[in-house]
Amino acid sequence: SGGQQLVLQGAGNWRDDLGQRSFNY
């Protein structure tokens, strides 16, 4: 949109009762 928006891509993790989970966005 003419430089008015920025796209970022990253990753992370979190823990639930069954163990470690991972994601990207």
mmCIF file of all heavy atoms, coordinates in Angstrom:
data_MODEL
# 
_entry.id   MODEL 
# 
loop_
_atom_site.group_PDB 
_atom_site.id 
_atom_site.type_symbol 
_atom_site.label_atom_id 
_atom_site.label_alt_id 
_atom_site.label_comp_id 
_atom_site.label_asym_id 
_atom_site.label_entity_id 
_atom_site.label_seq_id 
_atom_site.pdbx_PDB_ins_code 
_atom_site.Cartn_x 
_atom_site.Cartn_y 
_atom_site.Cartn_z 
_atom_site.occupancy 
_atom_site.B_iso_or_equiv 
_atom_site.pdbx_formal_charge 
_atom_site.auth_seq_id 
_atom_site.auth_comp_id 
_atom_site.auth_asym_id 
_atom_site.auth_atom_id 
_atom_site.pdbx_PDB_model_num 
ATOM 1   N N   . SER A 1 1  ? 0.834  -1.216  0.000  1.00 0.00 ? 1  SER A N   1 
ATOM 2   C CA  . SER A 1 1  ? 0.000  0.000   0.000  1.00 0.00 ? 1  SER A CA  1 
ATOM 3   C C   . SER A 1 1  ? 0.865  1.261   0.000  1.00 0.00 ? 1  SER A C   1 
ATOM 4   O O   . SER A 1 1  ? 0.709  2.150   0.834  1.00 0.00 ? 1  SER A O   1 
ATOM 5   C CB  . SER A 1 1  ? -0.956 0.005   1.201  1.00 0.00 ? 1  SER A CB  1 
ATOM 6   O OG  . SER A 1 1  ? -1.782 -1.130  1.167  1.00 0.00 ? 1  SER A OG  1 
ATOM 7   N N   . GLY A 1 2  ? 1.803  1.294   -0.954 1.00 0.00 ? 2  GLY A N   1 
ATOM 8   C CA  . GLY A 1 2  ? 2.620  2.497   -1.079 1.00 0.00 ? 2  GLY A CA  1 
ATOM 9   C C   . GLY A 1 2  ? 3.534  2.729   0.105  1.00 0.00 ? 2  GLY A C   1 
ATOM 10  O O   . GLY A 1 2  ? 3.827  3.875   0.439  1.00 0.00 ? 2  GLY A O   1 
ATOM 11  N N   . GLY A 1 3  ? 3.992  1.664   0.732  1.00 0.00 ? 3  GLY A N   1 
ATOM 12  C CA  . GLY A 1 3  ? 4.906  1.816   1.858  1.00 0.00 ? 3  GLY A CA  1 
ATOM 13  C C   . GLY A 1 3  ? 4.233  2.084   3.181  1.00 0.00 ? 3  GLY A C   1 
ATOM 14  O O   . GLY A 1 3  ? 4.909  2.289   4.185  1.00 0.00 ? 3  GLY A O   1 
ATOM 15  N N   . GLN A 1 4  ? 2.899  2.044   3.223  1.00 0.00 ? 4  GLN A N   1 
ATOM 16  C CA  . GLN A 1 4  ? 2.189  2.298   4.466  1.00 0.00 ? 4  GLN A CA  1 
ATOM 17  C C   . GLN A 1 4  ? 2.013  1.040   5.315  1.00 0.00 ? 4  GLN A C   1 
ATOM 18  O O   . GLN A 1 4  ? 1.586  1.133   6.461  1.00 0.00 ? 4  GLN A O   1 
ATOM 19  C CB  . GLN A 1 4  ? 0.805  2.910   4.163  1.00 0.00 ? 4  GLN A CB  1 
ATOM 20  C CG  . GLN A 1 4  ? 0.864  4.240   3.446  1.00 0.00 ? 4  GLN A CG  1 
ATOM 21  C CD  . GLN A 1 4  ? 1.621  5.285   4.241  1.00 0.00 ? 4  GLN A CD  1 
ATOM 22  O OE1 . GLN A 1 4  ? 1.511  5.343   5.461  1.00 0.00 ? 4  GLN A OE1 1 
ATOM 23  N NE2 . GLN A 1 4  ? 2.407  6.108   3.556  1.00 0.00 ? 4  GLN A NE2 1 
ATOM 24  N N   . GLN A 1 5  ? 2.300  -0.135  4.743  1.00 0.00 ? 5  GLN A N   1 
ATOM 25  C CA  . GLN A 1 5  ? 2.217  -1.384  5.501  1.00 0.00 ? 5  GLN A CA  1 
ATOM 26  C C   . GLN A 1 5  ? 3.553  -2.104  5.454  1.00 0.00 ? 5  GLN A C   1 
ATOM 27  O O   . GLN A 1 5  ? 4.294  -2.019  4.483  1.00 0.00 ? 5  GLN A O   1 
ATOM 28  C CB  . GLN A 1 5  ? 1.124  -2.304  4.937  1.00 0.00 ? 5  GLN A CB  1 
ATOM 29  C CG  . GLN A 1 5  ? -0.283 -1.836  5.248  1.00 0.00 ? 5  GLN A CG  1 
ATOM 30  C CD  . GLN A 1 5  ? -1.319 -2.877  4.884  1.00 0.00 ? 5  GLN A CD  1 
ATOM 31  O OE1 . GLN A 1 5  ? -1.005 -4.054  4.720  1.00 0.00 ? 5  GLN A OE1 1 
ATOM 32  N NE2 . GLN A 1 5  ? -2.562 -2.439  4.758  1.00 0.00 ? 5  GLN A NE2 1 
ATOM 33  N N   . LEU A 1 6  ? 3.837  -2.835  6.549  1.00 0.00 ? 6  LEU A N   1 
ATOM 34  C CA  . LEU A 1 6  ? 5.070  -3.596  6.669  1.00 0.00 ? 6  LEU A CA  1 
ATOM 35  C C   . LEU A 1 6  ? 4.701  -5.049  6.967  1.00 0.00 ? 6  LEU A C   1 
ATOM 36  O O   . LEU A 1 6  ? 3.792  -5.312  7.754  1.00 0.00 ? 6  LEU A O   1 
ATOM 37  C CB  . LEU A 1 6  ? 5.926  -3.035  7.815  1.00 0.00 ? 6  LEU A CB  1 
ATOM 38  C CG  . LEU A 1 6  ? 7.236  -3.759  8.125  1.00 0.00 ? 6  LEU A CG  1 
ATOM 39  C CD1 . LEU A 1 6  ? 8.191  -3.660  6.945  1.00 0.00 ? 6  LEU A CD1 1 
ATOM 40  C CD2 . LEU A 1 6  ? 7.878  -3.160  9.374  1.00 0.00 ? 6  LEU A CD2 1 
ATOM 41  N N   . VAL A 1 7  ? 5.390  -5.988  6.324  1.00 0.00 ? 7  VAL A N   1 
ATOM 42  C CA  . VAL A 1 7  ? 5.145  -7.410  6.538  1.00 0.00 ? 7  VAL A CA  1 
ATOM 43  C C   . VAL A 1 7  ? 6.332  -7.999  7.298  1.00 0.00 ? 7  VAL A C   1 
ATOM 44  O O   . VAL A 1 7  ? 7.473  -7.910  6.846  1.00 0.00 ? 7  VAL A O   1 
ATOM 45  C CB  . VAL A 1 7  ? 4.957  -8.157  5.200  1.00 0.00 ? 7  VAL A CB  1 
ATOM 46  C CG1 . VAL A 1 7  ? 4.698  -9.648  5.458  1.00 0.00 ? 7  VAL A CG1 1 
ATOM 47  C CG2 . VAL A 1 7  ? 3.809  -7.551  4.408  1.00 0.00 ? 7  VAL A CG2 1 
ATOM 48  N N   . LEU A 1 8  ? 6.048  -8.594  8.468  1.00 0.00 ? 8  LEU A N   1 
ATOM 49  C CA  . LEU A 1 8  ? 7.080  -9.235  9.277  1.00 0.00 ? 8  LEU A CA  1 
ATOM 50  C C   . LEU A 1 8  ? 6.778  -10.738 9.372  1.00 0.00 ? 8  LEU A C   1 
ATOM 51  O O   . LEU A 1 8  ? 5.618  -11.124 9.508  1.00 0.00 ? 8  LEU A O   1 
ATOM 52  C CB  . LEU A 1 8  ? 7.126  -8.635  10.687 1.00 0.00 ? 8  LEU A CB  1 
ATOM 53  C CG  . LEU A 1 8  ? 7.533  -7.171  10.801 1.00 0.00 ? 8  LEU A CG  1 
ATOM 54  C CD1 . LEU A 1 8  ? 7.489  -6.735  12.255 1.00 0.00 ? 8  LEU A CD1 1 
ATOM 55  C CD2 . LEU A 1 8  ? 8.933  -6.949  10.241 1.00 0.00 ? 8  LEU A CD2 1 
ATOM 56  N N   . GLN A 1 9  ? 7.836  -11.533 9.314  1.00 0.00 ? 9  GLN A N   1 
ATOM 57  C CA  . GLN A 1 9  ? 7.693  -12.980 9.480  1.00 0.00 ? 9  GLN A CA  1 
ATOM 58  C C   . GLN A 1 9  ? 8.623  -13.444 10.589 1.00 0.00 ? 9  GLN A C   1 
ATOM 59  O O   . GLN A 1 9  ? 9.808  -13.101 10.595 1.00 0.00 ? 9  GLN A O   1 
ATOM 60  C CB  . GLN A 1 9  ? 8.022  -13.722 8.175  1.00 0.00 ? 9  GLN A CB  1 
ATOM 61  C CG  . GLN A 1 9  ? 6.994  -13.472 7.078  1.00 0.00 ? 9  GLN A CG  1 
ATOM 62  C CD  . GLN A 1 9  ? 7.265  -14.283 5.839  1.00 0.00 ? 9  GLN A CD  1 
ATOM 63  O OE1 . GLN A 1 9  ? 8.349  -14.825 5.664  1.00 0.00 ? 9  GLN A OE1 1 
ATOM 64  N NE2 . GLN A 1 9  ? 6.266  -14.373 4.964  1.00 0.00 ? 9  GLN A NE2 1 
ATOM 65  N N   . GLY A 1 10 ? 8.077  -14.192 11.553 1.00 0.00 ? 10 GLY A N   1 
ATOM 66  C CA  . GLY A 1 10 ? 8.865  -14.633 12.696 1.00 0.00 ? 10 GLY A CA  1 
ATOM 67  C C   . GLY A 1 10 ? 8.411  -15.982 13.198 1.00 0.00 ? 10 GLY A C   1 
ATOM 68  O O   . GLY A 1 10 ? 7.582  -16.660 12.576 1.00 0.00 ? 10 GLY A O   1 
ATOM 69  N N   . ALA A 1 11 ? 8.948  -16.376 14.338 1.00 0.00 ? 11 ALA A N   1 
ATOM 70  C CA  . ALA A 1 11 ? 8.643  -17.693 14.901 1.00 0.00 ? 11 ALA A CA  1 
ATOM 71  C C   . ALA A 1 11 ? 8.708  -17.619 16.418 1.00 0.00 ? 11 ALA A C   1 
ATOM 72  O O   . ALA A 1 11 ? 9.177  -16.626 16.996 1.00 0.00 ? 11 ALA A O   1 
ATOM 73  C CB  . ALA A 1 11 ? 9.621  -18.749 14.374 1.00 0.00 ? 11 ALA A CB  1 
ATOM 74  N N   . GLY A 1 12 ? 8.232  -18.673 17.072 1.00 0.00 ? 12 GLY A N   1 
ATOM 75  C CA  . GLY A 1 12 ? 8.265  -18.731 18.539 1.00 0.00 ? 12 GLY A CA  1 
ATOM 76  C C   . GLY A 1 12 ? 7.805  -20.089 19.024 1.00 0.00 ? 12 GLY A C   1 
ATOM 77  O O   . GLY A 1 12 ? 7.644  -21.031 18.248 1.00 0.00 ? 12 GLY A O   1 
ATOM 78  N N   . ASN A 1 13 ? 7.581  -20.163 20.324 1.00 0.00 ? 13 ASN A N   1 
ATOM 79  C CA  . ASN A 1 13 ? 7.145  -21.424 20.914 1.00 0.00 ? 13 ASN A CA  1 
ATOM 80  C C   . ASN A 1 13 ? 6.357  -21.147 22.187 1.00 0.00 ? 13 ASN A C   1 
ATOM 81  O O   . ASN A 1 13 ? 6.409  -20.041 22.735 1.00 0.00 ? 13 ASN A O   1 
ATOM 82  C CB  . ASN A 1 13 ? 8.330  -22.343 21.205 1.00 0.00 ? 13 ASN A CB  1 
ATOM 83  C CG  . ASN A 1 13 ? 9.334  -21.695 22.135 1.00 0.00 ? 13 ASN A CG  1 
ATOM 84  O OD1 . ASN A 1 13 ? 9.139  -21.620 23.352 1.00 0.00 ? 13 ASN A OD1 1 
ATOM 85  N ND2 . ASN A 1 13 ? 10.434 -21.198 21.577 1.00 0.00 ? 13 ASN A ND2 1 
ATOM 86  N N   . TRP A 1 14 ? 5.645  -22.161 22.652 1.00 0.00 ? 14 TRP A N   1 
ATOM 87  C CA  . TRP A 1 14 ? 4.932  -22.081 23.911 1.00 0.00 ? 14 TRP A CA  1 
ATOM 88  C C   . TRP A 1 14 ? 4.773  -23.496 24.453 1.00 0.00 ? 14 TRP A C   1 
ATOM 89  O O   . TRP A 1 14 ? 5.027  -24.465 23.736 1.00 0.00 ? 14 TRP A O   1 
ATOM 90  C CB  . TRP A 1 14 ? 3.568  -21.390 23.761 1.00 0.00 ? 14 TRP A CB  1 
ATOM 91  C CG  . TRP A 1 14 ? 2.610  -22.022 22.813 1.00 0.00 ? 14 TRP A CG  1 
ATOM 92  C CD1 . TRP A 1 14 ? 2.634  -21.976 21.461 1.00 0.00 ? 14 TRP A CD1 1 
ATOM 93  C CD2 . TRP A 1 14 ? 1.442  -22.782 23.138 1.00 0.00 ? 14 TRP A CD2 1 
ATOM 94  N NE1 . TRP A 1 14 ? 1.576  -22.653 20.912 1.00 0.00 ? 14 TRP A NE1 1 
ATOM 95  C CE2 . TRP A 1 14 ? 0.826  -23.155 21.916 1.00 0.00 ? 14 TRP A CE2 1 
ATOM 96  C CE3 . TRP A 1 14 ? 0.850  -23.166 24.337 1.00 0.00 ? 14 TRP A CE3 1 
ATOM 97  C CZ2 . TRP A 1 14 ? -0.342 -23.901 21.866 1.00 0.00 ? 14 TRP A CZ2 1 
ATOM 98  C CZ3 . TRP A 1 14 ? -0.320 -23.920 24.291 1.00 0.00 ? 14 TRP A CZ3 1 
ATOM 99  C CH2 . TRP A 1 14 ? -0.898 -24.266 23.061 1.00 0.00 ? 14 TRP A CH2 1 
ATOM 100 N N   . ARG A 1 15 ? 4.417  -23.632 25.705 1.00 0.00 ? 15 ARG A N   1 
ATOM 101 C CA  . ARG A 1 15 ? 4.344  -24.934 26.352 1.00 0.00 ? 15 ARG A CA  1 
ATOM 102 C C   . ARG A 1 15 ? 2.915  -25.201 26.820 1.00 0.00 ? 15 ARG A C   1 
ATOM 103 O O   . ARG A 1 15 ? 2.254  -24.329 27.363 1.00 0.00 ? 15 ARG A O   1 
ATOM 104 C CB  . ARG A 1 15 ? 5.297  -24.987 27.550 1.00 0.00 ? 15 ARG A CB  1 
ATOM 105 C CG  . ARG A 1 15 ? 5.282  -26.323 28.302 1.00 0.00 ? 15 ARG A CG  1 
ATOM 106 C CD  . ARG A 1 15 ? 6.349  -26.358 29.368 1.00 0.00 ? 15 ARG A CD  1 
ATOM 107 N NE  . ARG A 1 15 ? 7.673  -26.351 28.788 1.00 0.00 ? 15 ARG A NE  1 
ATOM 108 C CZ  . ARG A 1 15 ? 8.288  -27.445 28.335 1.00 0.00 ? 15 ARG A CZ  1 
ATOM 109 N NH1 . ARG A 1 15 ? 7.691  -28.622 28.418 1.00 0.00 ? 15 ARG A NH1 1 
ATOM 110 N NH2 . ARG A 1 15 ? 9.485  -27.367 27.811 1.00 0.00 ? 15 ARG A NH2 1 
ATOM 111 N N   . ASP A 1 16 ? 2.453  -26.429 26.561 1.00 0.00 ? 16 ASP A N   1 
ATOM 112 C CA  . ASP A 1 16 ? 1.156  -26.844 27.094 1.00 0.00 ? 16 ASP A CA  1 
ATOM 113 C C   . ASP A 1 16 ? 1.352  -28.097 27.944 1.00 0.00 ? 16 ASP A C   1 
ATOM 114 O O   . ASP A 1 16 ? 2.484  -28.475 28.260 1.00 0.00 ? 16 ASP A O   1 
ATOM 115 C CB  . ASP A 1 16 ? 0.140  -27.074 25.960 1.00 0.00 ? 16 ASP A CB  1 
ATOM 116 C CG  . ASP A 1 16 ? 0.536  -28.243 25.051 1.00 0.00 ? 16 ASP A CG  1 
ATOM 117 O OD1 . ASP A 1 16 ? 1.546  -28.935 25.348 1.00 0.00 ? 16 ASP A OD1 1 
ATOM 118 O OD2 . ASP A 1 16 ? -0.159 -28.472 24.046 1.00 0.00 ? 16 ASP A OD2 1 
ATOM 119 N N   . ASP A 1 17 ? 0.248  -28.753 28.298 1.00 0.00 ? 17 ASP A N   1 
ATOM 120 C CA  . ASP A 1 17 ? 0.336  -29.914 29.187 1.00 0.00 ? 17 ASP A CA  1 
ATOM 121 C C   . ASP A 1 17 ? 1.108  -31.073 28.572 1.00 0.00 ? 17 ASP A C   1 
ATOM 122 O O   . ASP A 1 17 ? 1.632  -31.930 29.291 1.00 0.00 ? 17 ASP A O   1 
ATOM 123 C CB  . ASP A 1 17 ? -1.073 -30.385 29.570 1.00 0.00 ? 17 ASP A CB  1 
ATOM 124 C CG  . ASP A 1 17 ? -1.813 -29.349 30.403 1.00 0.00 ? 17 ASP A CG  1 
ATOM 125 O OD1 . ASP A 1 17 ? -1.127 -28.499 31.010 1.00 0.00 ? 17 ASP A OD1 1 
ATOM 126 O OD2 . ASP A 1 17 ? -3.054 -29.382 30.440 1.00 0.00 ? 17 ASP A OD2 1 
ATOM 127 N N   . LEU A 1 18 ? 1.181  -31.102 27.237 1.00 0.00 ? 18 LEU A N   1 
ATOM 128 C CA  . LEU A 1 18 ? 1.852  -32.212 26.559 1.00 0.00 ? 18 LEU A CA  1 
ATOM 129 C C   . LEU A 1 18 ? 3.300  -31.908 26.200 1.00 0.00 ? 18 LEU A C   1 
ATOM 130 O O   . LEU A 1 18 ? 4.003  -32.781 25.710 1.00 0.00 ? 18 LEU A O   1 
ATOM 131 C CB  . LEU A 1 18 ? 1.074  -32.584 25.294 1.00 0.00 ? 18 LEU A CB  1 
ATOM 132 C CG  . LEU A 1 18 ? -0.368 -33.060 25.523 1.00 0.00 ? 18 LEU A CG  1 
ATOM 133 C CD1 . LEU A 1 18 ? -1.047 -33.350 24.193 1.00 0.00 ? 18 LEU A CD1 1 
ATOM 134 C CD2 . LEU A 1 18 ? -0.384 -34.293 26.401 1.00 0.00 ? 18 LEU A CD2 1 
ATOM 135 N N   . GLY A 1 19 ? 3.746  -30.668 26.434 1.00 0.00 ? 19 GLY A N   1 
ATOM 136 C CA  . GLY A 1 19 ? 5.143  -30.339 26.143 1.00 0.00 ? 19 GLY A CA  1 
ATOM 137 C C   . GLY A 1 19 ? 5.285  -29.084 25.308 1.00 0.00 ? 19 GLY A C   1 
ATOM 138 O O   . GLY A 1 19 ? 4.380  -28.249 25.237 1.00 0.00 ? 19 GLY A O   1 
ATOM 139 N N   . GLN A 1 20 ? 6.436  -28.958 24.644 1.00 0.00 ? 20 GLN A N   1 
ATOM 140 C CA  . GLN A 1 20 ? 6.771  -27.760 23.881 1.00 0.00 ? 20 GLN A CA  1 
ATOM 141 C C   . GLN A 1 20 ? 6.074  -27.762 22.521 1.00 0.00 ? 20 GLN A C   1 
ATOM 142 O O   . GLN A 1 20 ? 6.019  -28.784 21.841 1.00 0.00 ? 20 GLN A O   1 
ATOM 143 C CB  . GLN A 1 20 ? 8.297  -27.705 23.674 1.00 0.00 ? 20 GLN A CB  1 
ATOM 144 C CG  . GLN A 1 20 ? 8.814  -26.342 23.239 1.00 0.00 ? 20 GLN A CG  1 
ATOM 145 C CD  . GLN A 1 20 ? 8.938  -25.373 24.400 1.00 0.00 ? 20 GLN A CD  1 
ATOM 146 O OE1 . GLN A 1 20 ? 8.695  -25.737 25.544 1.00 0.00 ? 20 GLN A OE1 1 
ATOM 147 N NE2 . GLN A 1 20 ? 9.329  -24.159 24.134 1.00 0.00 ? 20 GLN A NE2 1 
ATOM 148 N N   . ARG A 1 21 ? 5.546  -26.617 22.129 1.00 0.00 ? 21 ARG A N   1 
ATOM 149 C CA  . ARG A 1 21 ? 4.920  -26.438 20.822 1.00 0.00 ? 21 ARG A CA  1 
ATOM 150 C C   . ARG A 1 21 ? 5.606  -25.277 20.119 1.00 0.00 ? 21 ARG A C   1 
ATOM 151 O O   . ARG A 1 21 ? 6.127  -24.370 20.772 1.00 0.00 ? 21 ARG A O   1 
ATOM 152 C CB  . ARG A 1 21 ? 3.424  -26.165 20.959 1.00 0.00 ? 21 ARG A CB  1 
ATOM 153 C CG  . ARG A 1 21 ? 2.657  -27.268 21.661 1.00 0.00 ? 21 ARG A CG  1 
ATOM 154 C CD  . ARG A 1 21 ? 1.181  -26.950 21.746 1.00 0.00 ? 21 ARG A CD  1 
ATOM 155 N NE  . ARG A 1 21 ? 0.573  -26.941 20.431 1.00 0.00 ? 21 ARG A NE  1 
ATOM 156 C CZ  . ARG A 1 21 ? 0.076  -28.025 19.827 1.00 0.00 ? 21 ARG A CZ  1 
ATOM 157 N NH1 . ARG A 1 21 ? 0.128  -29.196 20.438 1.00 0.00 ? 21 ARG A NH1 1 
ATOM 158 N NH2 . ARG A 1 21 ? -0.483 -27.954 18.654 1.00 0.00 ? 21 ARG A NH2 1 
ATOM 159 N N   . SER A 1 22 ? 5.613  -25.279 18.814 1.00 0.00 ? 22 SER A N   1 
ATOM 160 C CA  . SER A 1 22 ? 6.277  -24.228 18.042 1.00 0.00 ? 22 SER A CA  1 
ATOM 161 C C   . SER A 1 22 ? 5.329  -23.680 16.978 1.00 0.00 ? 22 SER A C   1 
ATOM 162 O O   . SER A 1 22 ? 4.365  -24.336 16.585 1.00 0.00 ? 22 SER A O   1 
ATOM 163 C CB  . SER A 1 22 ? 7.558  -24.771 17.386 1.00 0.00 ? 22 SER A CB  1 
ATOM 164 O OG  . SER A 1 22 ? 7.267  -25.887 16.562 1.00 0.00 ? 22 SER A OG  1 
ATOM 165 N N   . PHE A 1 23 ? 5.623  -22.458 16.514 1.00 0.00 ? 23 PHE A N   1 
ATOM 166 C CA  . PHE A 1 23 ? 4.782  -21.812 15.508 1.00 0.00 ? 23 PHE A CA  1 
ATOM 167 C C   . PHE A 1 23 ? 5.614  -20.826 14.710 1.00 0.00 ? 23 PHE A C   1 
ATOM 168 O O   . PHE A 1 23 ? 6.708  -20.411 15.126 1.00 0.00 ? 23 PHE A O   1 
ATOM 169 C CB  . PHE A 1 23 ? 3.601  -21.089 16.175 1.00 0.00 ? 23 PHE A CB  1 
ATOM 170 C CG  . PHE A 1 23 ? 4.006  -19.942 17.058 1.00 0.00 ? 23 PHE A CG  1 
ATOM 171 C CD1 . PHE A 1 23 ? 4.146  -18.649 16.549 1.00 0.00 ? 23 PHE A CD1 1 
ATOM 172 C CD2 . PHE A 1 23 ? 4.272  -20.154 18.404 1.00 0.00 ? 23 PHE A CD2 1 
ATOM 173 C CE1 . PHE A 1 23 ? 4.525  -17.598 17.364 1.00 0.00 ? 23 PHE A CE1 1 
ATOM 174 C CE2 . PHE A 1 23 ? 4.653  -19.099 19.229 1.00 0.00 ? 23 PHE A CE2 1 
ATOM 175 C CZ  . PHE A 1 23 ? 4.780  -17.823 18.708 1.00 0.00 ? 23 PHE A CZ  1 
ATOM 176 N N   . ASN A 1 24 ? 5.100  -20.418 13.552 1.00 0.00 ? 24 ASN A N   1 
ATOM 177 C CA  . ASN A 1 24 ? 5.637  -19.264 12.846 1.00 0.00 ? 24 ASN A CA  1 
ATOM 178 C C   . ASN A 1 24 ? 4.473  -18.386 12.420 1.00 0.00 ? 24 ASN A C   1 
ATOM 179 O O   . ASN A 1 24 ? 3.317  -18.816 12.428 1.00 0.00 ? 24 ASN A O   1 
ATOM 180 C CB  . ASN A 1 24 ? 6.527  -19.675 11.664 1.00 0.00 ? 24 ASN A CB  1 
ATOM 181 C CG  . ASN A 1 24 ? 5.805  -20.497 10.623 1.00 0.00 ? 24 ASN A CG  1 
ATOM 182 O OD1 . ASN A 1 24 ? 4.603  -20.319 10.376 1.00 0.00 ? 24 ASN A OD1 1 
ATOM 183 N ND2 . ASN A 1 24 ? 6.508  -21.421 9.982  1.00 0.00 ? 24 ASN A ND2 1 
ATOM 184 N N   . TYR A 1 25 ? 4.772  -17.146 12.066 1.00 0.00 ? 25 TYR A N   1 
ATOM 185 C CA  . TYR A 1 25 ? 3.703  -16.206 11.729 1.00 0.00 ? 25 TYR A CA  1 
ATOM 186 C C   . TYR A 1 25 ? 4.148  -15.265 10.615 1.00 0.00 ? 25 TYR A C   1 
ATOM 187 O O   . TYR A 1 25 ? 5.350  -15.041 10.400 1.00 0.00 ? 25 TYR A O   1 
ATOM 188 C CB  . TYR A 1 25 ? 3.279  -15.385 12.955 1.00 0.00 ? 25 TYR A CB  1 
ATOM 189 C CG  . TYR A 1 25 ? 4.336  -14.422 13.457 1.00 0.00 ? 25 TYR A CG  1 
ATOM 190 C CD1 . TYR A 1 25 ? 4.451  -13.133 12.912 1.00 0.00 ? 25 TYR A CD1 1 
ATOM 191 C CD2 . TYR A 1 25 ? 5.216  -14.794 14.466 1.00 0.00 ? 25 TYR A CD2 1 
ATOM 192 C CE1 . TYR A 1 25 ? 5.427  -12.257 13.363 1.00 0.00 ? 25 TYR A CE1 1 
ATOM 193 C CE2 . TYR A 1 25 ? 6.189  -13.921 14.917 1.00 0.00 ? 25 TYR A CE2 1 
ATOM 194 C CZ  . TYR A 1 25 ? 6.289  -12.654 14.366 1.00 0.00 ? 25 TYR A CZ  1 
ATOM 195 O OH  . TYR A 1 25 ? 7.261  -11.784 14.802 1.00 0.00 ? 25 TYR A OH  1 
# 
